[in-house]
Amino acid sequence: LPPGKLPLIEPAKAHSGWFPVSEEALRIIERTFDREGARRKAKACFITLLRIANLEGSIVFVRSIAQIAKDMSYGYSEAARALKLVQAAGLCAIEQRQVPGTKELAPSQFQPC
């Protein structure tokens, strides 16, 4: 999202699988990060995670960081840092996974809170 722009906050639609951006989550981001750049990245990341959850129809989904970076229109490193910010704020659980029998990382499981 461009600086200073926030998404419209829709009412929860429990039966349709709609996961809205809560005002409380945005307040948590505002309170947690003192730098504007960090707040902006965390908001963009959290909103992207909820957008993916809405598209999947599930609050738990599997994606690679590269896919999330593309959805955020960020580079891989910036998206990885933004994911760490959202996780540090307690707004997303991230489970890193490995390809069985290797040390290669598989796409992670995400659960926005």
C-alpha atoms as a PDB file:
ATOM      1  CA  LEU A   1       0.000   0.000   0.000  1.00  0.00           C
ATOM      2  CA  PRO A   2       1.218   3.523  -0.634  1.00  0.00           C
ATOM      3  CA  PRO A   3       2.331   5.452   2.484  1.00  0.00           C
ATOM      4  CA  GLY A   4      -0.617   6.828   4.424  1.00  0.00           C
ATOM      5  CA  LYS A   5      -3.161   4.607   2.669  1.00  0.00           C
ATOM      6  CA  LEU A   6      -5.013   1.962   4.662  1.00  0.00           C
ATOM      7  CA  PRO A   7      -7.472  -0.576   3.284  1.00  0.00           C
ATOM      8  CA  LEU A   8     -11.146  -0.300   3.975  1.00  0.00           C
ATOM      9  CA  ILE A   9     -11.961  -2.386   7.025  1.00  0.00           C
ATOM     10  CA  GLU A  10     -14.799  -4.708   6.106  1.00  0.00           C
ATOM     11  CA  PRO A  11     -17.092  -6.348   8.648  1.00  0.00           C
ATOM     12  CA  ALA A  12     -16.317 -10.009   9.310  1.00  0.00           C
ATOM     13  CA  LYS A  13     -18.146 -12.393   6.989  1.00  0.00           C
ATOM     14  CA  ALA A  14     -17.652 -15.646   8.882  1.00  0.00           C
ATOM     15  CA  HIS A  15     -19.555 -17.885   6.483  1.00  0.00           C
ATOM     16  CA  SER A  16     -17.785 -16.718   3.354  1.00  0.00           C
ATOM     17  CA  GLY A  17     -14.250 -17.158   4.696  1.00  0.00           C
ATOM     18  CA  TRP A  18     -13.542 -13.429   4.776  1.00  0.00           C
ATOM     19  CA  PHE A  19     -10.732 -12.425   7.135  1.00  0.00           C
ATOM     20  CA  PRO A  20     -10.834  -8.643   7.642  1.00  0.00           C
ATOM     21  CA  VAL A  21      -7.983  -6.340   8.605  1.00  0.00           C
ATOM     22  CA  SER A  22      -8.744  -5.553  12.227  1.00  0.00           C
ATOM     23  CA  GLU A  23      -8.228  -2.096  13.622  1.00  0.00           C
ATOM     24  CA  GLU A  24      -6.598  -3.729  16.655  1.00  0.00           C
ATOM     25  CA  ALA A  25      -3.947  -5.375  14.456  1.00  0.00           C
ATOM     26  CA  LEU A  26      -3.114  -2.008  12.910  1.00  0.00           C
ATOM     27  CA  ARG A  27      -2.872  -0.463  16.404  1.00  0.00           C
ATOM     28  CA  ILE A  28      -0.511  -3.267  17.473  1.00  0.00           C
ATOM     29  CA  ILE A  29       1.732  -2.466  14.519  1.00  0.00           C
ATOM     30  CA  GLU A  30       1.643   1.253  15.384  1.00  0.00           C
ATOM     31  CA  ARG A  31       2.572   0.549  19.029  1.00  0.00           C
ATOM     32  CA  THR A  32       5.207  -2.094  18.286  1.00  0.00           C
ATOM     33  CA  PHE A  33       7.367  -0.292  15.731  1.00  0.00           C
ATOM     34  CA  ASP A  34       8.770   3.176  16.256  1.00  0.00           C
ATOM     35  CA  ARG A  35      10.138   3.681  12.726  1.00  0.00           C
ATOM     36  CA  GLU A  36       7.694   4.632   9.962  1.00  0.00           C
ATOM     37  CA  GLY A  37       9.443   2.325   7.478  1.00  0.00           C
ATOM     38  CA  ALA A  38       8.998  -0.677   9.770  1.00  0.00           C
ATOM     39  CA  ARG A  39       5.334   0.176  10.360  1.00  0.00           C
ATOM     40  CA  ARG A  40       4.715   0.536   6.635  1.00  0.00           C
ATOM     41  CA  LYS A  41       6.405  -2.814   5.854  1.00  0.00           C
ATOM     42  CA  ALA A  42       4.579  -4.621   8.652  1.00  0.00           C
ATOM     43  CA  LYS A  43       1.194  -3.250   7.521  1.00  0.00           C
ATOM     44  CA  ALA A  44       1.831  -4.148   3.884  1.00  0.00           C
ATOM     45  CA  CYS A  45       2.906  -7.656   4.876  1.00  0.00           C
ATOM     46  CA  PHE A  46       0.006  -8.280   7.252  1.00  0.00           C
ATOM     47  CA  ILE A  47      -2.539  -7.045   4.713  1.00  0.00           C
ATOM     48  CA  THR A  48      -0.956  -9.233   2.030  1.00  0.00           C
ATOM     49  CA  LEU A  49      -1.141 -12.281   4.309  1.00  0.00           C
ATOM     50  CA  LEU A  50      -4.842 -11.633   4.962  1.00  0.00           C
ATOM     51  CA  ARG A  51      -5.433 -11.122   1.239  1.00  0.00           C
ATOM     52  CA  ILE A  52      -3.858 -14.514   0.517  1.00  0.00           C
ATOM     53  CA  ALA A  53      -5.928 -16.107   3.300  1.00  0.00           C
ATOM     54  CA  ASN A  54      -9.068 -14.619   1.753  1.00  0.00           C
ATOM     55  CA  LEU A  55      -8.129 -15.941  -1.691  1.00  0.00           C
ATOM     56  CA  GLU A  56      -7.414 -19.389  -0.232  1.00  0.00           C
ATOM     57  CA  GLY A  57     -10.560 -19.341   1.906  1.00  0.00           C
ATOM     58  CA  SER A  58      -8.435 -20.467   4.852  1.00  0.00           C
ATOM     59  CA  ILE A  59      -6.580 -18.608   7.589  1.00  0.00           C
ATOM     60  CA  VAL A  60      -3.785 -21.224   7.336  1.00  0.00           C
ATOM     61  CA  PHE A  61      -1.943 -21.473   4.036  1.00  0.00           C
ATOM     62  CA  VAL A  62       1.393 -22.519   2.547  1.00  0.00           C
ATOM     63  CA  ARG A  63       3.503 -20.132   0.449  1.00  0.00           C
ATOM     64  CA  SER A  64       7.128 -19.478  -0.322  1.00  0.00           C
ATOM     65  CA  ILE A  65       8.661 -16.168   0.680  1.00  0.00           C
ATOM     66  CA  ALA A  66       9.251 -15.518  -3.026  1.00  0.00           C
ATOM     67  CA  GLN A  67       5.503 -15.841  -3.692  1.00  0.00           C
ATOM     68  CA  ILE A  68       4.667 -13.513  -0.807  1.00  0.00           C
ATOM     69  CA  ALA A  69       7.305 -11.035  -2.001  1.00  0.00           C
ATOM     70  CA  LYS A  70       5.694 -11.033  -5.444  1.00  0.00           C
ATOM     71  CA  ASP A  71       2.237 -10.466  -3.919  1.00  0.00           C
ATOM     72  CA  MET A  72       3.645  -7.592  -1.843  1.00  0.00           C
ATOM     73  CA  SER A  73       5.575  -6.143  -4.825  1.00  0.00           C
ATOM     74  CA  TYR A  74       8.695  -6.306  -2.638  1.00  0.00           C
ATOM     75  CA  GLY A  75      12.030  -7.980  -3.196  1.00  0.00           C
ATOM     76  CA  TYR A  76      12.695 -11.296  -1.469  1.00  0.00           C
ATOM     77  CA  SER A  77      14.881  -9.807   1.306  1.00  0.00           C
ATOM     78  CA  GLU A  78      12.441  -6.989   2.058  1.00  0.00           C
ATOM     79  CA  ALA A  79       9.530  -9.423   2.226  1.00  0.00           C
ATOM     80  CA  ALA A  80      11.485 -11.751   4.541  1.00  0.00           C
ATOM     81  CA  ARG A  81      12.229  -8.811   6.868  1.00  0.00           C
ATOM     82  CA  ALA A  82       8.589  -7.714   6.764  1.00  0.00           C
ATOM     83  CA  LEU A  83       7.459 -11.251   7.670  1.00  0.00           C
ATOM     84  CA  LYS A  84       9.812 -11.188  10.667  1.00  0.00           C
ATOM     85  CA  LEU A  85       8.294  -7.859  11.754  1.00  0.00           C
ATOM     86  CA  VAL A  86       4.747  -9.220  11.553  1.00  0.00           C
ATOM     87  CA  GLN A  87       5.787 -12.348  13.439  1.00  0.00           C
ATOM     88  CA  ALA A  88       7.567 -10.249  16.110  1.00  0.00           C
ATOM     89  CA  ALA A  89       4.370  -8.224  16.595  1.00  0.00           C
ATOM     90  CA  GLY A  90       2.507 -11.483  17.263  1.00  0.00           C
ATOM     91  CA  LEU A  91       0.251 -11.064  14.232  1.00  0.00           C
ATOM     92  CA  CYS A  92       1.291 -14.180  12.333  1.00  0.00           C
ATOM     93  CA  ALA A  93       2.471 -17.658  13.172  1.00  0.00           C
ATOM     94  CA  ILE A  94       5.059 -18.928  10.689  1.00  0.00           C
ATOM     95  CA  GLU A  95       6.106 -22.572  10.520  1.00  0.00           C
ATOM     96  CA  GLN A  96       9.203 -23.129   8.423  1.00  0.00           C
ATOM     97  CA  ARG A  97       9.204 -26.497   6.705  1.00  0.00           C
ATOM     98  CA  GLN A  98      11.847 -28.635   5.023  1.00  0.00           C
ATOM     99  CA  VAL A  99      11.720 -30.863   1.979  1.00  0.00           C
ATOM    100  CA  PRO A 100      11.710 -34.391   3.465  1.00  0.00           C
ATOM    101  CA  GLY A 101      15.145 -36.036   3.463  1.00  0.00           C
ATOM    102  CA  THR A 102      17.003 -32.801   2.645  1.00  0.00           C
ATOM    103  CA  LYS A 103      18.102 -29.548   4.245  1.00  0.00           C
ATOM    104  CA  GLU A 104      16.231 -27.586   1.581  1.00  0.00           C
ATOM    105  CA  LEU A 105      13.520 -25.281   2.860  1.00  0.00           C
ATOM    106  CA  ALA A 106      10.015 -25.924   1.566  1.00  0.00           C
ATOM    107  CA  PRO A 107       7.330 -23.222   1.417  1.00  0.00           C
ATOM    108  CA  SER A 108       6.353 -22.105   4.911  1.00  0.00           C
ATOM    109  CA  GLN A 109       2.969 -22.397   6.563  1.00  0.00           C
ATOM    110  CA  PHE A 110       1.441 -19.066   7.591  1.00  0.00           C
ATOM    111  CA  GLN A 111      -1.397 -18.278   9.964  1.00  0.00           C
ATOM    112  CA  PRO A 112      -2.246 -14.597  10.378  1.00  0.00           C
ATOM    113  CA  CYS A 113      -3.611 -14.028  13.877  1.00  0.00           C
END
